């Protein structure tokens, strides 16, 4: 049941295409005549759409982390402290992401009729800075938002340091886990039934919220605007974020190795995360003005190079690698080979963080909308949004399949499912003494019992 859960939870992650979903929802509302009615209560409309569209994604991320927090090394070990720590980090992360919402108001409400009823901070930054050219107001909003996000990042690091949170790479279930499972055999049907019911709800809500996109997934693109080629749009969408992702995640892995494995400050090495903490939850929005001005000064607007997201170090990946290497440090110090205890567990983490970063950058419309100039620099989200705006109120099918093409969707589903079942299933999130804080054991001596 746990492995099936892992595999199913890969679907909302792989199908992350917010522009396609929101455009599909807006088009359906226009065709049904409910769009104008919904805009009478724009805040309710926006919050409802956000809740429906992000439900599956949030549940998938949260359930994945909670399953890792539930893994116990000893039968008398309680997972509640680890689950509380994970819950705290999830709460901070969701709040930070909510503060940086851009796609939903950009597509669904446009800040609301007659005023800024649904102008989120990042949307307000984009509107005031690039549409009304009030860079001072936009910069002030960016500064306030950066302060809030920095405080949330510092709170997350404080929670990590206080709980001594770490990620450990465990093996599959062994004897004690089997005996524990057998001792609860009478409750197994209830647990499996509850799991199935929960998965049906998550998948059902996710598919229902994505139906406006899925109905137009295979729609014929038809003739694209003059000067635009599908292959060029595909390359603009997926190649630039891949280049940025490879650099950002690789640097994060190296930095995480230096902090979590080499431990230059001993047991206090995690304090080196504090300088990075203010940037843990910062996305493209709060830094959009500075990055846009830098790109403009280099005369790169409209060029392929400008489409590369200006993110050269993934701070969330840095934290993930640091916690992983911290959790594996004990086994390395106990005589385990570096390749077996550090390298092999870290390579799949490289794939996990790279896939998530790549997909998130490719599906984010903010940066590419700012720096795109002309048909040669259009990405799929920007192109389909432009087509939808030109046909606003006219109905008809949109080529939403361009945003996340079927081959890419299948690729992400297969890769995420394989990593969730074959790798993430073996990760355990633990708190308290252990990992790098544990006393070294003699070579060959087992570090501890491993259970599911």
Protein backbone atom coordinates (compact mmCIF):
# COMPACT_ATOMS: atom_id res chain seq x y z
CA UNK A 1 0.00 0.00 0.00
CA UNK A 2 2.86 2.34 0.79
CA UNK A 3 4.57 1.73 -2.55
CA UNK A 4 1.31 2.21 -4.45
CA UNK A 5 0.79 5.44 -2.54
CA UNK A 6 4.26 6.61 -3.54
CA UNK A 7 3.59 5.84 -7.18
CA UNK A 8 0.21 7.58 -7.24
CA UNK A 9 1.62 10.67 -5.54
CA UNK A 10 4.04 11.04 -8.45
CA UNK A 11 1.14 11.98 -10.76
CA UNK A 12 0.34 15.45 -9.32
CA UNK A 13 4.05 16.26 -9.29
CA UNK A 14 4.62 15.24 -12.90
CA UNK A 15 1.47 16.99 -14.16
CA UNK A 16 2.48 20.41 -12.84
CA UNK A 17 1.21 22.82 -15.51
CA UNK A 18 -0.49 25.76 -13.77
CA UNK A 19 -0.73 27.97 -16.86
CA UNK A 20 -2.52 25.23 -18.81
CA UNK A 21 -4.91 24.45 -15.96
CA UNK A 22 -5.85 28.07 -15.28
CA UNK A 23 -6.24 28.89 -18.98
CA UNK A 24 -8.46 25.87 -19.43
CA UNK A 25 -10.55 26.87 -16.43
CA UNK A 26 -10.92 30.45 -17.66
CA UNK A 27 -11.93 29.30 -21.15
CA UNK A 28 -14.59 26.96 -19.77
CA UNK A 29 -16.00 29.71 -17.57
CA UNK A 30 -16.16 32.08 -20.55
CA UNK A 31 -17.92 29.49 -22.72
CA UNK A 32 -20.42 28.66 -19.96
CA UNK A 33 -21.10 32.33 -19.26
CA UNK A 34 -20.04 32.15 -15.60
CA UNK A 35 -16.79 34.09 -15.92
CA UNK A 36 -18.36 37.54 -15.50
CA UNK A 37 -20.42 36.24 -12.60
CA UNK A 38 -17.31 34.85 -10.90
CA UNK A 39 -15.55 38.20 -11.23
CA UNK A 40 -18.27 39.77 -9.09
CA UNK A 41 -16.50 38.03 -6.17
CA UNK A 42 -12.93 37.92 -7.47
CA UNK A 43 -11.28 37.00 -4.18
CA UNK A 44 -13.58 34.03 -3.63
CA UNK A 45 -13.10 32.98 -7.24
CA UNK A 46 -9.31 33.18 -7.00
CA UNK A 47 -9.03 31.40 -3.64
CA UNK A 48 -11.40 28.65 -4.78
CA UNK A 49 -9.43 28.09 -7.99
CA UNK A 50 -6.11 28.06 -6.11
CA UNK A 51 -7.41 25.55 -3.59
CA UNK A 52 -8.78 23.22 -6.24
CA UNK A 53 -5.77 23.35 -8.55
CA UNK A 54 -3.04 23.08 -5.89
CA UNK A 55 -4.78 20.49 -3.71
CA UNK A 56 -3.20 17.45 -5.34
CA UNK A 57 0.26 18.99 -5.50
CA UNK A 58 0.27 20.07 -1.85
CA UNK A 59 -1.04 16.71 -0.67
CA UNK A 60 1.56 14.87 -2.77
CA UNK A 61 4.46 16.88 -1.34
CA UNK A 62 3.15 16.70 2.23
CA UNK A 63 2.33 12.98 2.13
CA UNK A 64 5.76 12.20 0.65
CA UNK A 65 7.52 14.01 3.48
CA UNK A 66 5.25 12.57 6.16
CA UNK A 67 5.84 9.02 4.91
CA UNK A 68 9.57 9.61 5.26
CA UNK A 69 9.06 11.01 8.76
CA UNK A 70 7.11 7.87 9.72
CA UNK A 71 10.06 5.55 9.07
CA UNK A 72 11.45 4.30 12.39
CA UNK A 73 14.82 2.81 13.19
CA UNK A 74 13.69 1.19 16.46
CA UNK A 75 10.28 -0.18 17.34
CA UNK A 76 10.07 2.00 20.46
CA UNK A 77 10.97 5.16 18.55
CA UNK A 78 8.07 7.56 18.04
CA UNK A 79 7.78 9.45 14.75
CA UNK A 80 5.71 12.30 16.21
CA UNK A 81 8.65 14.74 16.71
CA UNK A 82 9.81 14.25 13.12
CA UNK A 83 6.27 14.69 11.83
CA UNK A 84 5.84 17.91 13.81
CA UNK A 85 9.12 19.25 12.41
CA UNK A 86 8.05 18.35 8.88
CA UNK A 87 4.67 19.97 9.48
CA UNK A 88 6.34 23.17 10.62
CA UNK A 89 8.54 23.31 7.52
CA UNK A 90 5.57 22.56 5.26
CA UNK A 91 3.55 25.34 6.87
CA UNK A 92 6.34 27.85 6.36
CA UNK A 93 6.86 26.70 2.77
CA UNK A 94 3.18 26.89 1.82
CA UNK A 95 2.93 30.39 3.31
CA UNK A 96 6.02 31.51 1.38
CA UNK A 97 4.72 30.08 -1.90
CA UNK A 98 1.34 31.69 -1.31
CA UNK A 99 2.95 35.09 -0.88
CA UNK A 100 4.61 34.66 -4.28
CA UNK A 101 1.53 33.56 -6.22
CA UNK A 102 1.52 35.05 -9.70
CA UNK A 103 0.05 32.69 -12.31
CA UNK A 104 -3.50 32.45 -10.90
CA UNK A 105 -4.27 36.20 -10.65
CA UNK A 106 -2.37 36.85 -13.89
CA UNK A 107 -4.63 34.50 -15.86
CA UNK A 108 -7.89 34.30 -13.94
CA UNK A 109 -8.65 37.78 -12.61
CA UNK A 110 -6.00 40.24 -13.78
CA UNK A 111 -6.10 41.87 -10.31
CA UNK A 112 -9.86 42.08 -10.34
CA UNK A 113 -12.30 44.46 -12.00
CA UNK A 114 -11.98 48.09 -10.98
CA UNK A 115 -9.15 47.64 -8.46
CA UNK A 116 -6.48 45.45 -6.95
CA UNK A 117 -8.88 42.99 -5.39
CA UNK A 118 -6.68 39.98 -6.11
CA UNK A 119 -3.28 41.61 -6.59
CA UNK A 120 -0.87 39.31 -4.78
CA UNK A 121 2.53 40.80 -3.87
CA UNK A 122 4.37 39.39 -6.89
CA UNK A 123 1.54 40.28 -9.27
CA UNK A 124 1.57 43.79 -7.82
CA UNK A 125 5.34 44.01 -8.39
CA UNK A 126 4.92 43.01 -12.03
CA UNK A 127 1.99 45.36 -12.60
CA UNK A 128 3.47 48.49 -11.02
CA UNK A 129 7.01 47.97 -12.34
CA UNK A 130 6.48 46.76 -15.89
CA UNK A 131 3.00 47.88 -16.88
CA UNK A 132 2.68 51.27 -15.19
CA UNK A 133 6.49 51.78 -15.00
CA UNK A 134 6.48 52.74 -11.32
CA UNK A 135 9.74 51.03 -10.46
CA UNK A 136 9.97 52.73 -7.07
CA UNK A 137 6.67 51.30 -5.88
CA UNK A 138 7.56 47.89 -7.27
CA UNK A 139 10.96 47.96 -5.58
CA UNK A 140 9.38 48.88 -2.25
CA UNK A 141 6.96 45.98 -2.54
CA UNK A 142 9.84 43.65 -3.46
CA UNK A 143 11.82 44.78 -0.42
CA UNK A 144 8.94 44.17 1.98
CA UNK A 145 8.28 40.78 0.43
CA UNK A 146 11.96 39.83 0.68
CA UNK A 147 11.94 40.74 4.37
CA UNK A 148 8.92 38.49 5.01
CA UNK A 149 10.39 35.61 3.02
CA UNK A 150 13.73 36.06 4.78
CA UNK A 151 12.04 35.77 8.17
CA UNK A 152 10.25 32.61 7.05
CA UNK A 153 13.56 31.15 5.86
CA UNK A 154 15.26 31.99 9.16
CA UNK A 155 12.38 30.36 11.03
CA UNK A 156 12.82 27.22 8.92
CA UNK A 157 16.56 27.07 9.67
CA UNK A 158 15.86 27.66 13.36
CA UNK A 159 13.48 24.69 13.32
CA UNK A 160 16.07 22.52 11.56
CA UNK A 161 18.79 23.46 14.04
CA UNK A 162 16.56 23.10 17.10
CA UNK A 163 15.31 19.64 16.15
CA UNK A 164 18.62 18.46 14.61
CA UNK A 165 16.65 17.34 11.59
CA UNK A 166 18.41 15.11 9.07
CA UNK A 167 17.68 12.75 6.17
CA UNK A 168 18.94 9.17 6.31
CA UNK A 169 19.05 6.60 3.55
CA UNK A 170 17.60 3.33 4.92
CA UNK A 171 17.24 -0.15 3.50
CA UNK A 172 14.08 -2.09 2.83
CA UNK A 173 12.07 -3.67 5.64
CA UNK A 174 13.78 -6.34 7.72
CA UNK A 175 12.75 -8.73 10.46
CA UNK A 176 11.58 -6.28 13.14
CA UNK A 177 9.45 -4.41 10.64
CA UNK A 178 7.82 -7.62 9.45
CA UNK A 179 7.07 -8.67 13.03
CA UNK A 180 5.61 -5.26 13.76
CA UNK A 181 3.43 -5.49 10.68
CA UNK A 182 2.28 -8.96 11.69
CA UNK A 183 1.39 -7.74 15.18
CA UNK A 184 -1.04 -5.28 13.57
CA UNK A 185 -2.37 -7.74 11.01
CA UNK A 186 -5.90 -7.31 12.33
CA UNK A 187 -5.85 -3.63 11.49
CA UNK A 188 -4.32 -4.05 8.05
CA UNK A 189 -7.62 -4.11 6.10
CA UNK A 190 -8.69 -0.87 7.80
CA UNK A 191 -5.37 0.82 7.06
CA UNK A 192 -5.33 -0.33 3.43
CA UNK A 193 -8.94 0.70 2.97
CA UNK A 194 -8.27 4.14 4.41
CA UNK A 195 -5.24 4.53 2.15
CA UNK A 196 -7.22 3.57 -0.94
CA UNK A 197 -10.03 5.97 -0.03
CA UNK A 198 -7.57 8.81 0.52
CA UNK A 199 -5.84 8.13 -2.80
CA UNK A 200 -9.17 8.06 -4.63
CA UNK A 201 -10.05 11.46 -3.14
CA UNK A 202 -6.67 12.99 -4.01
CA UNK A 203 -6.63 11.62 -7.57
CA UNK A 204 -10.31 12.46 -8.08
CA UNK A 205 -9.93 16.10 -6.99
CA UNK A 206 -6.71 16.46 -9.01
CA UNK A 207 -8.26 15.07 -12.21
CA UNK A 208 -11.45 17.10 -11.72
CA UNK A 209 -9.48 20.32 -11.23
CA UNK A 210 -7.36 19.51 -14.31
CA UNK A 211 -10.25 18.56 -16.61
CA UNK A 212 -10.34 21.95 -18.36
CA UNK A 213 -6.71 21.34 -19.32
CA UNK A 214 -7.06 17.64 -20.12
CA UNK A 215 -10.05 18.23 -22.42
CA UNK A 216 -7.90 20.50 -24.58
CA UNK A 217 -4.71 18.49 -24.14
CA UNK A 218 -4.83 16.96 -27.62
CA UNK A 219 -6.39 19.97 -29.33
CA UNK A 220 -4.93 20.73 -32.73
CA UNK A 221 -2.54 23.65 -32.47
CA UNK A 222 -3.72 24.92 -35.83
CA UNK A 223 -1.80 27.70 -37.55
CA UNK A 224 0.41 29.49 -35.06
CA UNK A 225 1.00 33.25 -35.32
CA UNK A 226 3.31 34.31 -38.13
CA UNK A 227 7.00 33.67 -37.52
CA UNK A 228 6.48 31.17 -34.71
CA UNK A 229 7.59 27.54 -35.08
CA UNK A 230 6.66 24.73 -32.73
CA UNK A 231 10.21 23.39 -32.46
CA UNK A 232 11.52 26.83 -31.53
CA UNK A 233 8.83 27.25 -28.87
CA UNK A 234 9.64 23.81 -27.46
CA UNK A 235 13.34 24.65 -27.27
CA UNK A 236 12.67 28.02 -25.64
CA UNK A 237 10.47 26.36 -23.03
CA UNK A 238 12.66 23.46 -21.94
CA UNK A 239 16.33 24.11 -22.80
CA UNK A 240 17.03 27.39 -20.92
CA UNK A 241 15.62 26.16 -17.57
CA UNK A 242 17.54 22.90 -18.01
CA UNK A 243 20.83 24.82 -18.32
CA UNK A 244 20.10 26.84 -15.18
CA UNK A 245 18.94 23.75 -13.29
CA UNK A 246 22.07 21.73 -14.01
CA UNK A 247 24.30 24.50 -12.68
CA UNK A 248 22.11 25.39 -9.68
CA UNK A 249 21.59 21.81 -8.46
CA UNK A 250 25.21 20.76 -9.03
CA UNK A 251 26.49 23.71 -7.00
CA UNK A 252 23.92 22.93 -4.32
CA UNK A 253 25.11 19.32 -4.13
CA UNK A 254 28.75 20.39 -3.79
CA UNK A 255 27.89 22.95 -1.11
CA UNK A 256 25.72 20.44 0.73
CA UNK A 257 28.60 17.95 0.68
CA UNK A 258 30.95 20.56 2.11
CA UNK A 259 28.59 21.39 4.98
CA UNK A 260 26.90 18.08 5.74
CA UNK A 261 29.69 15.59 5.03
CA UNK A 262 32.98 17.43 5.56
CA UNK A 263 31.52 19.40 8.50
CA UNK A 264 34.10 22.20 8.77
CA UNK A 265 32.58 23.48 12.05
CA UNK A 266 32.00 20.07 13.59
CA UNK A 267 28.61 19.66 15.24
CA UNK A 268 27.91 23.33 14.55
CA UNK A 269 28.37 22.98 10.79
CA UNK A 270 24.67 23.45 10.08
CA UNK A 271 25.09 27.06 11.24
CA UNK A 272 26.62 27.61 7.80
CA UNK A 273 23.06 27.34 6.46
CA UNK A 274 22.07 30.55 8.24
CA UNK A 275 23.52 32.90 5.57
CA UNK A 276 21.46 31.05 2.96
CA UNK A 277 18.30 30.98 5.10
CA UNK A 278 16.80 34.30 3.91
CA UNK A 279 16.85 32.97 0.33
CA UNK A 280 15.38 29.54 1.08
CA UNK A 281 11.84 30.44 -0.05
CA UNK A 282 12.66 33.26 -2.49
CA UNK A 283 11.50 32.71 -6.06
CA UNK A 284 11.78 34.78 -9.21
CA UNK A 285 9.15 37.36 -8.26
CA UNK A 286 10.83 39.42 -5.50
CA UNK A 287 14.04 39.68 -7.56
CA UNK A 288 12.33 40.30 -10.91
CA UNK A 289 13.14 44.01 -11.10
CA UNK A 290 16.86 43.62 -10.32
CA UNK A 291 17.26 40.66 -12.68
CA UNK A 292 15.33 42.43 -15.47
CA UNK A 293 17.50 45.55 -15.21
CA UNK A 294 20.63 43.40 -15.28
CA UNK A 295 19.41 41.60 -18.39
CA UNK A 296 18.50 44.89 -20.06
CA UNK A 297 21.94 46.39 -19.30
CA UNK A 298 23.55 43.41 -21.00
CA UNK A 299 21.29 43.94 -24.03
CA UNK A 300 19.97 40.38 -23.83
CA UNK A 301 16.24 41.08 -23.92
CA UNK A 302 14.59 38.92 -26.56
CA UNK A 303 17.62 36.64 -26.86
CA UNK A 304 17.71 32.93 -26.12
CA UNK A 305 20.20 33.54 -23.32
CA UNK A 306 17.75 35.85 -21.55
CA UNK A 307 15.29 32.95 -21.17
CA UNK A 308 17.70 31.15 -18.84
CA UNK A 309 16.29 31.66 -15.30
CA UNK A 310 18.73 33.78 -13.27
CA UNK A 311 19.06 31.15 -10.56
CA UNK A 312 22.56 29.72 -10.29
CA UNK A 313 22.27 28.13 -6.85
CA UNK A 314 19.21 26.21 -5.72
CA UNK A 315 18.97 26.99 -2.01
CA UNK A 316 16.22 24.38 -1.34
CA UNK A 317 18.45 21.76 -2.99
CA UNK A 318 21.37 22.97 -0.86
CA UNK A 319 19.32 22.34 2.29
CA UNK A 320 18.20 18.92 1.05
CA UNK A 321 21.76 17.79 0.28
CA UNK A 322 23.10 19.17 3.56
CA UNK A 323 20.49 17.26 5.57
CA UNK A 324 21.12 14.09 3.54
CA UNK A 325 24.89 14.21 3.98
CA UNK A 326 24.43 14.98 7.67
CA UNK A 327 22.27 11.88 8.04
CA UNK A 328 24.81 9.72 6.20
CA UNK A 329 27.86 11.16 8.00
CA UNK A 330 27.68 8.62 10.83
CA UNK A 331 27.85 5.66 8.47
CA UNK A 332 30.73 7.23 6.57
CA UNK A 333 32.60 7.96 9.80
CA UNK A 334 31.98 4.38 10.98
CA UNK A 335 34.09 2.96 8.19
CA UNK A 336 31.67 2.82 5.28
CA UNK A 337 33.07 3.69 1.89
CA UNK A 338 32.39 7.19 0.67
CA UNK A 339 30.89 5.90 -2.58
CA UNK A 340 28.47 3.56 -0.76
CA UNK A 341 27.46 5.84 2.11
CA UNK A 342 27.60 9.27 0.45
CA UNK A 343 27.81 9.15 -3.34
CA UNK A 344 25.22 6.48 -4.12
CA UNK A 345 22.50 7.95 -1.83
CA UNK A 346 23.17 11.44 -3.21
CA UNK A 347 22.98 10.68 -6.94
CA UNK A 348 19.22 9.97 -6.96
CA UNK A 349 18.70 13.09 -4.84
CA UNK A 350 20.44 14.97 -7.63
CA UNK A 351 17.82 13.63 -10.04
CA UNK A 352 14.90 14.43 -7.71
CA UNK A 353 15.92 18.04 -7.10
CA UNK A 354 16.88 18.61 -10.74
CA UNK A 355 13.55 17.32 -12.08
CA UNK A 356 11.54 19.42 -9.63
CA UNK A 357 13.58 22.55 -10.36
CA UNK A 358 13.49 22.04 -14.12
CA UNK A 359 9.73 21.50 -14.24
CA UNK A 360 9.00 24.44 -11.94
CA UNK A 361 11.12 26.85 -14.01
CA UNK A 362 9.73 25.62 -17.32
CA UNK A 363 6.14 26.11 -16.18
CA UNK A 364 6.64 29.52 -14.57
CA UNK A 365 5.48 32.33 -16.89
CA UNK A 366 6.82 35.36 -14.99
CA UNK A 367 10.46 35.57 -16.05
CA UNK A 368 9.95 34.52 -19.67
CA UNK A 369 7.09 37.01 -20.03
CA UNK A 370 9.33 39.84 -18.84
CA UNK A 371 12.36 39.09 -21.02
CA UNK A 372 10.61 37.67 -24.09
CA UNK A 373 10.60 40.01 -27.07
CA UNK A 374 9.36 38.87 -30.45
CA UNK A 375 8.43 35.45 -31.83
CA UNK A 376 11.92 33.98 -31.44
CA UNK A 377 11.84 34.22 -27.63
CA UNK A 378 8.34 32.94 -26.92
CA UNK A 379 7.89 29.98 -24.59
CA UNK A 380 4.87 27.69 -24.66
CA UNK A 381 3.14 29.22 -21.58
CA UNK A 382 3.65 32.73 -22.95
CA UNK A 383 2.51 31.75 -26.47
CA UNK A 384 -0.68 29.98 -25.39
CA UNK A 385 -1.50 32.82 -22.98
CA UNK A 386 -1.11 35.29 -25.85
CA UNK A 387 -3.38 33.20 -28.09
CA UNK A 388 -5.97 32.94 -25.29
CA UNK A 389 -5.93 36.70 -24.68
CA UNK A 390 -6.40 37.44 -28.38
CA UNK A 391 -9.39 35.09 -28.50
CA UNK A 392 -10.72 36.32 -25.14
CA UNK A 393 -14.48 35.87 -25.08
CA UNK A 394 -14.51 34.11 -28.41
CA UNK A 395 -14.31 30.57 -27.11
CA UNK A 396 -12.73 27.82 -29.14
CA UNK A 397 -10.03 25.31 -28.34
CA UNK A 398 -6.59 26.31 -27.11
CA UNK A 399 -3.39 24.36 -27.84
CA UNK A 400 -2.86 23.64 -24.14
CA UNK A 401 -0.90 20.52 -25.03
CA UNK A 402 1.99 22.75 -26.09
CA UNK A 403 2.58 23.84 -22.50
CA UNK A 404 3.32 20.32 -21.22
CA UNK A 405 3.51 18.03 -24.28
CA UNK A 406 2.51 14.40 -23.92
CA UNK A 407 6.08 13.02 -24.36
CA UNK A 408 7.33 15.32 -21.60
CA UNK A 409 4.39 14.42 -19.37
CA UNK A 410 5.06 10.70 -19.82
CA UNK A 411 8.77 11.25 -19.17
CA UNK A 412 8.10 13.10 -15.91
CA UNK A 413 5.52 10.54 -14.76
CA UNK A 414 7.92 7.63 -15.34
CA UNK A 415 10.90 9.36 -13.74
CA UNK A 416 8.99 10.66 -10.72
CA UNK A 417 7.29 7.29 -10.12
CA UNK A 418 10.60 5.42 -10.38
CA UNK A 419 12.33 7.82 -8.00
CA UNK A 420 9.43 7.82 -5.53
CA UNK A 421 9.23 4.03 -5.36
CA UNK A 422 12.91 3.15 -5.74
CA UNK A 423 14.58 6.00 -3.84
CA UNK A 424 12.33 8.35 -1.87
CA UNK A 425 10.74 5.28 -0.26
CA UNK A 426 14.12 4.59 1.37
CA UNK A 427 14.62 8.08 2.77
CA UNK A 428 13.86 8.65 6.45
CA UNK A 429 13.45 12.08 8.04
CA UNK A 430 14.58 11.95 11.66
CA UNK A 431 15.21 14.42 14.47
CA UNK A 432 17.15 14.40 17.72
CA UNK A 433 20.53 12.82 18.42
CA UNK A 434 21.98 10.78 15.59
CA UNK A 435 23.57 11.25 12.22
CA UNK A 436 26.59 13.50 12.52
CA UNK A 437 25.98 13.93 16.27
CA UNK A 438 26.20 10.21 17.06
CA UNK A 439 29.41 8.73 18.48
CA UNK A 440 31.43 6.79 15.91
CA UNK A 441 31.10 3.02 15.86
CA UNK A 442 33.76 0.50 15.05
CA UNK A 443 34.19 -0.50 11.41
CA UNK A 444 31.80 -3.29 10.54
CA UNK A 445 29.58 -2.62 13.54
CA UNK A 446 25.96 -1.99 12.51
CA UNK A 447 24.83 1.58 12.91
CA UNK A 448 21.38 0.54 14.03
CA UNK A 449 18.38 -1.53 13.17
CA UNK A 450 16.52 -0.38 10.14
CA UNK A 451 12.79 -0.80 9.97
CA UNK A 452 10.04 0.49 7.77
